[in-house]
């Protein structure tokens, strides 16, 4: 009986040293191999479409497009691709957003050497991987929803507005944002005006503060 081919992994993190460390962990396993790397979410989406991969391991906080935004895009474009979020944020909101975005696991960087390999194998078996602290969050969220009779809170802005907010906060011009997202500068300006109105803020500085609080960019 022939051995099964190794799981092909795409690794996305904006820190080269982190990618190198994670790659060492994964490539040290006979059933895992890193076939592509990316330095941000947009690169990750492009790499996943250009290379045959079984699993994408995505950092949350990356420039241009976050790991959560990339996960949403990859789930839409490549529904068979399995997605894991690898992050330093032990944060319930990110955890639930990751599940909502299509990720099947959430691994903390602080314990990657312990959990990541098993999380990769679980993801490809189509099983969820949840770090221990998240189990409490899931139970608490379920009980809260049971008591209140509601679902997850609605996002205040659309996914497209979130993409534009991140890029504005990173200092890109409307023309640059339009080129990155394949829309006109005028459309970007319209989204920007909607963001100011929806979020009740006045200028780019306040938009940037909101983006930091929402975890779209690092302070």
C-alpha atoms as a PDB file:
ATOM      1  CA  UNK A   1       0.000   0.000   0.000  1.00  0.00           C
ATOM      2  CA  UNK A   2       1.498   3.358  -1.045  1.00  0.00           C
ATOM      3  CA  UNK A   3       1.986   6.081   1.591  1.00  0.00           C
ATOM      4  CA  UNK A   4      -0.404   9.014   1.469  1.00  0.00           C
ATOM      5  CA  UNK A   5       1.125  12.224   0.077  1.00  0.00           C
ATOM      6  CA  UNK A   6       1.930  14.862   2.713  1.00  0.00           C
ATOM      7  CA  UNK A   7      -0.555  17.619   3.552  1.00  0.00           C
ATOM      8  CA  UNK A   8       0.393  20.693   1.481  1.00  0.00           C
ATOM      9  CA  UNK A   9       0.423  23.804   3.646  1.00  0.00           C
ATOM     10  CA  UNK A  10       0.297  27.515   2.811  1.00  0.00           C
ATOM     11  CA  UNK A  11       1.791  29.608   5.607  1.00  0.00           C
ATOM     12  CA  UNK A  12       0.928  33.319   5.946  1.00  0.00           C
ATOM     13  CA  UNK A  13       2.495  35.657   8.519  1.00  0.00           C
ATOM     14  CA  UNK A  14       4.024  39.112   8.061  1.00  0.00           C
ATOM     15  CA  UNK A  15       7.002  38.256  10.283  1.00  0.00           C
ATOM     16  CA  UNK A  16       9.686  36.279   8.422  1.00  0.00           C
ATOM     17  CA  UNK A  17      11.137  34.842  11.645  1.00  0.00           C
ATOM     18  CA  UNK A  18       7.725  33.532  12.723  1.00  0.00           C
ATOM     19  CA  UNK A  19       7.217  31.900   9.319  1.00  0.00           C
ATOM     20  CA  UNK A  20      10.663  30.329   9.560  1.00  0.00           C
ATOM     21  CA  UNK A  21       9.935  28.900  13.027  1.00  0.00           C
ATOM     22  CA  UNK A  22       6.520  27.564  12.064  1.00  0.00           C
ATOM     23  CA  UNK A  23       7.945  26.087   8.875  1.00  0.00           C
ATOM     24  CA  UNK A  24      10.558  24.209  10.911  1.00  0.00           C
ATOM     25  CA  UNK A  25       7.800  22.713  13.081  1.00  0.00           C
ATOM     26  CA  UNK A  26       5.662  21.641  10.110  1.00  0.00           C
ATOM     27  CA  UNK A  27       8.431  20.453   7.781  1.00  0.00           C
ATOM     28  CA  UNK A  28       9.772  18.321  10.644  1.00  0.00           C
ATOM     29  CA  UNK A  29       6.684  16.086  10.310  1.00  0.00           C
ATOM     30  CA  UNK A  30       6.573  13.397   7.580  1.00  0.00           C
ATOM     31  CA  UNK A  31       2.913  14.059   6.754  1.00  0.00           C
ATOM     32  CA  UNK A  32       3.169  17.874   6.484  1.00  0.00           C
ATOM     33  CA  UNK A  33       5.006  20.065   3.978  1.00  0.00           C
ATOM     34  CA  UNK A  34       4.963  23.860   3.499  1.00  0.00           C
ATOM     35  CA  UNK A  35       4.589  24.488  -0.251  1.00  0.00           C
ATOM     36  CA  UNK A  36       3.929  28.252  -0.209  1.00  0.00           C
ATOM     37  CA  UNK A  37       4.481  31.283   2.039  1.00  0.00           C
ATOM     38  CA  UNK A  38       2.872  34.738   2.129  1.00  0.00           C
ATOM     39  CA  UNK A  39       3.639  37.962   3.993  1.00  0.00           C
ATOM     40  CA  UNK A  40       0.052  39.279   4.107  1.00  0.00           C
ATOM     41  CA  UNK A  41      -3.544  38.209   3.538  1.00  0.00           C
ATOM     42  CA  UNK A  42      -3.714  39.361  -0.082  1.00  0.00           C
ATOM     43  CA  UNK A  43      -0.558  37.380  -0.923  1.00  0.00           C
ATOM     44  CA  UNK A  44      -2.064  34.370   0.838  1.00  0.00           C
ATOM     45  CA  UNK A  45      -5.212  34.488  -1.314  1.00  0.00           C
ATOM     46  CA  UNK A  46      -3.111  34.806  -4.491  1.00  0.00           C
ATOM     47  CA  UNK A  47      -0.771  31.971  -3.413  1.00  0.00           C
ATOM     48  CA  UNK A  48      -3.661  29.637  -2.563  1.00  0.00           C
ATOM     49  CA  UNK A  49      -5.149  30.198  -6.009  1.00  0.00           C
ATOM     50  CA  UNK A  50      -1.804  29.722  -7.792  1.00  0.00           C
ATOM     51  CA  UNK A  51      -0.527  26.670  -5.845  1.00  0.00           C
ATOM     52  CA  UNK A  52      -2.234  23.396  -4.981  1.00  0.00           C
ATOM     53  CA  UNK A  53      -2.632  23.498  -1.202  1.00  0.00           C
ATOM     54  CA  UNK A  54      -4.727  21.494   1.247  1.00  0.00           C
ATOM     55  CA  UNK A  55      -4.438  23.767   4.266  1.00  0.00           C
ATOM     56  CA  UNK A  56      -3.871  27.499   4.850  1.00  0.00           C
ATOM     57  CA  UNK A  57      -2.338  28.574   8.180  1.00  0.00           C
ATOM     58  CA  UNK A  58      -3.043  32.301   8.593  1.00  0.00           C
ATOM     59  CA  UNK A  59      -1.894  34.909  11.104  1.00  0.00           C
ATOM     60  CA  UNK A  60      -4.611  37.382  12.180  1.00  0.00           C
ATOM     61  CA  UNK A  61      -2.791  40.739  12.132  1.00  0.00           C
ATOM     62  CA  UNK A  62      -1.236  41.254   8.691  1.00  0.00           C
ATOM     63  CA  UNK A  63      -0.977  44.302   6.390  1.00  0.00           C
ATOM     64  CA  UNK A  64      -3.287  44.935   3.404  1.00  0.00           C
ATOM     65  CA  UNK A  65      -5.652  42.086   4.341  1.00  0.00           C
ATOM     66  CA  UNK A  66      -5.968  40.439   7.764  1.00  0.00           C
ATOM     67  CA  UNK A  67      -5.990  36.693   8.236  1.00  0.00           C
ATOM     68  CA  UNK A  68      -9.719  36.803   8.994  1.00  0.00           C
ATOM     69  CA  UNK A  69     -10.420  38.737   5.785  1.00  0.00           C
ATOM     70  CA  UNK A  70      -8.254  36.282   3.838  1.00  0.00           C
ATOM     71  CA  UNK A  71     -10.086  33.352   5.461  1.00  0.00           C
ATOM     72  CA  UNK A  72     -13.451  34.749   4.302  1.00  0.00           C
ATOM     73  CA  UNK A  73     -12.131  35.237   0.773  1.00  0.00           C
ATOM     74  CA  UNK A  74     -10.538  31.765   0.631  1.00  0.00           C
ATOM     75  CA  UNK A  75     -13.689  30.104   1.997  1.00  0.00           C
ATOM     76  CA  UNK A  76     -15.670  31.711  -0.822  1.00  0.00           C
ATOM     77  CA  UNK A  77     -13.188  31.006  -3.619  1.00  0.00           C
ATOM     78  CA  UNK A  78     -11.784  27.623  -2.495  1.00  0.00           C
ATOM     79  CA  UNK A  79     -14.438  25.891  -0.381  1.00  0.00           C
ATOM     80  CA  UNK A  80     -12.417  22.644  -0.134  1.00  0.00           C
ATOM     81  CA  UNK A  81      -9.391  24.400   1.365  1.00  0.00           C
ATOM     82  CA  UNK A  82      -9.022  23.904   5.131  1.00  0.00           C
ATOM     83  CA  UNK A  83      -8.074  26.992   7.156  1.00  0.00           C
ATOM     84  CA  UNK A  84      -6.339  27.390  10.516  1.00  0.00           C
ATOM     85  CA  UNK A  85      -5.798  30.670  12.330  1.00  0.00           C
ATOM     86  CA  UNK A  86      -2.433  30.957  14.109  1.00  0.00           C
ATOM     87  CA  UNK A  87      -2.315  33.997  16.366  1.00  0.00           C
ATOM     88  CA  UNK A  88      -0.888  35.572  19.487  1.00  0.00           C
ATOM     89  CA  UNK A  89      -4.371  36.870  20.409  1.00  0.00           C
ATOM     90  CA  UNK A  90      -6.179  34.860  23.076  1.00  0.00           C
ATOM     91  CA  UNK A  91      -9.319  36.784  22.195  1.00  0.00           C
ATOM     92  CA  UNK A  92     -12.892  35.475  22.146  1.00  0.00           C
ATOM     93  CA  UNK A  93     -14.053  37.938  19.486  1.00  0.00           C
ATOM     94  CA  UNK A  94     -11.277  36.889  17.082  1.00  0.00           C
ATOM     95  CA  UNK A  95     -12.012  33.261  17.835  1.00  0.00           C
ATOM     96  CA  UNK A  96     -15.697  33.581  16.919  1.00  0.00           C
ATOM     97  CA  UNK A  97     -14.878  35.751  13.871  1.00  0.00           C
ATOM     98  CA  UNK A  98     -12.428  33.054  12.732  1.00  0.00           C
ATOM     99  CA  UNK A  99     -15.101  30.339  12.939  1.00  0.00           C
ATOM    100  CA  UNK A 100     -17.548  32.614  11.136  1.00  0.00           C
ATOM    101  CA  UNK A 101     -14.935  33.295   8.422  1.00  0.00           C
ATOM    102  CA  UNK A 102     -14.624  29.575   7.686  1.00  0.00           C
ATOM    103  CA  UNK A 103     -11.621  28.543   9.798  1.00  0.00           C
ATOM    104  CA  UNK A 104     -11.804  25.107  11.404  1.00  0.00           C
ATOM    105  CA  UNK A 105      -9.207  25.788  14.071  1.00  0.00           C
ATOM    106  CA  UNK A 106      -7.591  28.530  16.162  1.00  0.00           C
ATOM    107  CA  UNK A 107      -4.073  28.000  17.531  1.00  0.00           C
ATOM    108  CA  UNK A 108      -2.155  30.333  19.838  1.00  0.00           C
ATOM    109  CA  UNK A 109       1.436  31.103  18.804  1.00  0.00           C
ATOM    110  CA  UNK A 110       2.529  30.745  22.435  1.00  0.00           C
ATOM    111  CA  UNK A 111       1.754  27.001  22.267  1.00  0.00           C
ATOM    112  CA  UNK A 112       2.289  26.394  18.529  1.00  0.00           C
ATOM    113  CA  UNK A 113       5.065  23.897  19.202  1.00  0.00           C
ATOM    114  CA  UNK A 114       2.561  21.846  21.243  1.00  0.00           C
ATOM    115  CA  UNK A 115      -0.697  22.302  19.304  1.00  0.00           C
ATOM    116  CA  UNK A 116      -0.034  23.267  15.680  1.00  0.00           C
ATOM    117  CA  UNK A 117       0.833  19.861  14.209  1.00  0.00           C
ATOM    118  CA  UNK A 118      -2.232  18.206  15.750  1.00  0.00           C
ATOM    119  CA  UNK A 119      -4.401  21.159  14.652  1.00  0.00           C
ATOM    120  CA  UNK A 120      -3.188  20.739  11.039  1.00  0.00           C
ATOM    121  CA  UNK A 121      -4.012  17.025  11.077  1.00  0.00           C
ATOM    122  CA  UNK A 122      -7.431  17.664  12.643  1.00  0.00           C
ATOM    123  CA  UNK A 123      -8.240  20.353  10.048  1.00  0.00           C
ATOM    124  CA  UNK A 124      -7.530  18.001   7.140  1.00  0.00           C
ATOM    125  CA  UNK A 125      -9.724  15.332   8.797  1.00  0.00           C
ATOM    126  CA  UNK A 126     -12.406  18.045   8.788  1.00  0.00           C
ATOM    127  CA  UNK A 127     -12.445  18.143  12.585  1.00  0.00           C
ATOM    128  CA  UNK A 128     -12.441  21.424  14.544  1.00  0.00           C
ATOM    129  CA  UNK A 129      -9.423  22.235  16.684  1.00  0.00           C
ATOM    130  CA  UNK A 130     -10.075  24.453  19.690  1.00  0.00           C
ATOM    131  CA  UNK A 131      -7.465  25.573  22.187  1.00  0.00           C
ATOM    132  CA  UNK A 132      -8.441  24.921  25.848  1.00  0.00           C
ATOM    133  CA  UNK A 133      -9.377  28.524  26.768  1.00  0.00           C
ATOM    134  CA  UNK A 134     -11.735  28.756  23.790  1.00  0.00           C
ATOM    135  CA  UNK A 135     -13.849  25.867  25.050  1.00  0.00           C
ATOM    136  CA  UNK A 136     -14.913  28.003  28.014  1.00  0.00           C
ATOM    137  CA  UNK A 137     -15.688  30.887  25.642  1.00  0.00           C
ATOM    138  CA  UNK A 138     -17.869  28.621  23.468  1.00  0.00           C
ATOM    139  CA  UNK A 139     -19.849  27.331  26.428  1.00  0.00           C
ATOM    140  CA  UNK A 140     -20.272  30.851  27.867  1.00  0.00           C
ATOM    141  CA  UNK A 141     -21.374  32.222  24.474  1.00  0.00           C
ATOM    142  CA  UNK A 142     -23.870  29.378  24.029  1.00  0.00           C
ATOM    143  CA  UNK A 143     -25.351  29.979  27.484  1.00  0.00           C
ATOM    144  CA  UNK A 144     -25.508  33.744  26.899  1.00  0.00           C
ATOM    145  CA  UNK A 145     -27.350  33.226  23.602  1.00  0.00           C
ATOM    146  CA  UNK A 146     -29.660  30.721  25.259  1.00  0.00           C
ATOM    147  CA  UNK A 147     -30.580  33.253  27.958  1.00  0.00           C
ATOM    148  CA  UNK A 148     -30.923  36.223  25.612  1.00  0.00           C
ATOM    149  CA  UNK A 149     -32.538  34.336  22.722  1.00  0.00           C
ATOM    150  CA  UNK A 150     -30.218  36.068  20.241  1.00  0.00           C
ATOM    151  CA  UNK A 151     -27.416  35.142  17.843  1.00  0.00           C
ATOM    152  CA  UNK A 152     -23.975  36.620  17.409  1.00  0.00           C
ATOM    153  CA  UNK A 153     -23.968  40.431  17.380  1.00  0.00           C
ATOM    154  CA  UNK A 154     -24.214  42.000  13.939  1.00  0.00           C
ATOM    155  CA  UNK A 155     -21.071  43.487  12.428  1.00  0.00           C
ATOM    156  CA  UNK A 156     -21.390  47.299  12.314  1.00  0.00           C
ATOM    157  CA  UNK A 157     -19.777  47.499   8.856  1.00  0.00           C
ATOM    158  CA  UNK A 158     -19.751  45.335   5.723  1.00  0.00           C
ATOM    159  CA  UNK A 159     -16.794  43.161   4.707  1.00  0.00           C
ATOM    160  CA  UNK A 160     -15.925  45.576   1.855  1.00  0.00           C
ATOM    161  CA  UNK A 161     -16.049  48.541   4.239  1.00  0.00           C
ATOM    162  CA  UNK A 162     -13.785  46.635   6.632  1.00  0.00           C
ATOM    163  CA  UNK A 163     -11.254  46.053   3.817  1.00  0.00           C
ATOM    164  CA  UNK A 164     -11.284  49.762   2.966  1.00  0.00           C
ATOM    165  CA  UNK A 165     -11.092  50.812   6.623  1.00  0.00           C
ATOM    166  CA  UNK A 166      -7.952  48.696   7.104  1.00  0.00           C
ATOM    167  CA  UNK A 167      -6.262  50.159   4.017  1.00  0.00           C
ATOM    168  CA  UNK A 168      -7.220  53.749   4.927  1.00  0.00           C
ATOM    169  CA  UNK A 169      -5.820  53.204   8.425  1.00  0.00           C
ATOM    170  CA  UNK A 170      -2.594  51.881   6.885  1.00  0.00           C
ATOM    171  CA  UNK A 171      -2.232  55.203   5.045  1.00  0.00           C
ATOM    172  CA  UNK A 172      -3.159  54.182   1.493  1.00  0.00           C
ATOM    173  CA  UNK A 173      -4.731  56.811  -0.803  1.00  0.00           C
ATOM    174  CA  UNK A 174      -8.132  56.260  -2.443  1.00  0.00           C
ATOM    175  CA  UNK A 175      -6.364  55.649  -5.767  1.00  0.00           C
ATOM    176  CA  UNK A 176      -4.062  53.007  -4.211  1.00  0.00           C
ATOM    177  CA  UNK A 177      -6.995  51.322  -2.438  1.00  0.00           C
ATOM    178  CA  UNK A 178      -8.955  51.264  -5.697  1.00  0.00           C
ATOM    179  CA  UNK A 179      -6.043  49.561  -7.468  1.00  0.00           C
ATOM    180  CA  UNK A 180      -5.640  46.973  -4.676  1.00  0.00           C
ATOM    181  CA  UNK A 181      -9.363  46.122  -4.595  1.00  0.00           C
ATOM    182  CA  UNK A 182     -10.071  46.587  -8.332  1.00  0.00           C
ATOM    183  CA  UNK A 183     -12.638  49.331  -7.810  1.00  0.00           C
ATOM    184  CA  UNK A 184     -12.652  53.022  -8.769  1.00  0.00           C
ATOM    185  CA  UNK A 185     -11.273  55.739  -6.490  1.00  0.00           C
ATOM    186  CA  UNK A 186     -14.772  57.267  -6.522  1.00  0.00           C
ATOM    187  CA  UNK A 187     -16.244  54.029  -5.128  1.00  0.00           C
ATOM    188  CA  UNK A 188     -13.555  54.034  -2.420  1.00  0.00           C
ATOM    189  CA  UNK A 189     -14.513  57.623  -1.488  1.00  0.00           C
ATOM    190  CA  UNK A 190     -18.174  56.606  -1.230  1.00  0.00           C
ATOM    191  CA  UNK A 191     -17.325  53.692   1.073  1.00  0.00           C
ATOM    192  CA  UNK A 192     -15.110  56.011   3.109  1.00  0.00           C
ATOM    193  CA  UNK A 193     -17.953  58.503   3.548  1.00  0.00           C
ATOM    194  CA  UNK A 194     -20.270  55.637   4.625  1.00  0.00           C
ATOM    195  CA  UNK A 195     -17.669  54.511   7.171  1.00  0.00           C
ATOM    196  CA  UNK A 196     -17.400  57.983   8.714  1.00  0.00           C
ATOM    197  CA  UNK A 197     -21.191  58.159   9.005  1.00  0.00           C
ATOM    198  CA  UNK A 198     -21.726  54.592  10.307  1.00  0.00           C
ATOM    199  CA  UNK A 199     -18.955  54.766  12.890  1.00  0.00           C
ATOM    200  CA  UNK A 200     -19.729  58.335  13.931  1.00  0.00           C
ATOM    201  CA  UNK A 201     -16.170  59.542  13.338  1.00  0.00           C
ATOM    202  CA  UNK A 202     -14.861  62.662  11.607  1.00  0.00           C
ATOM    203  CA  UNK A 203     -11.538  61.918   9.937  1.00  0.00           C
ATOM    204  CA  UNK A 204      -8.815  59.394   9.058  1.00  0.00           C
ATOM    205  CA  UNK A 205      -7.234  59.652  12.508  1.00  0.00           C
ATOM    206  CA  UNK A 206     -10.461  58.527  14.192  1.00  0.00           C
ATOM    207  CA  UNK A 207     -10.921  55.803  11.566  1.00  0.00           C
ATOM    208  CA  UNK A 208      -7.405  54.593  12.409  1.00  0.00           C
ATOM    209  CA  UNK A 209      -8.204  54.515  16.132  1.00  0.00           C
ATOM    210  CA  UNK A 210     -11.313  52.445  15.384  1.00  0.00           C
ATOM    211  CA  UNK A 211      -9.264  50.069  13.171  1.00  0.00           C
ATOM    212  CA  UNK A 212      -6.788  49.525  16.034  1.00  0.00           C
ATOM    213  CA  UNK A 213      -9.612  48.820  18.528  1.00  0.00           C
ATOM    214  CA  UNK A 214     -11.192  46.385  16.026  1.00  0.00           C
ATOM    215  CA  UNK A 215      -7.880  44.556  15.627  1.00  0.00           C
ATOM    216  CA  UNK A 216      -7.561  45.378  11.904  1.00  0.00           C
ATOM    217  CA  UNK A 217      -4.139  46.978  12.390  1.00  0.00           C
ATOM    218  CA  UNK A 218      -1.562  46.882  15.139  1.00  0.00           C
ATOM    219  CA  UNK A 219      -0.933  50.113  17.130  1.00  0.00           C
END
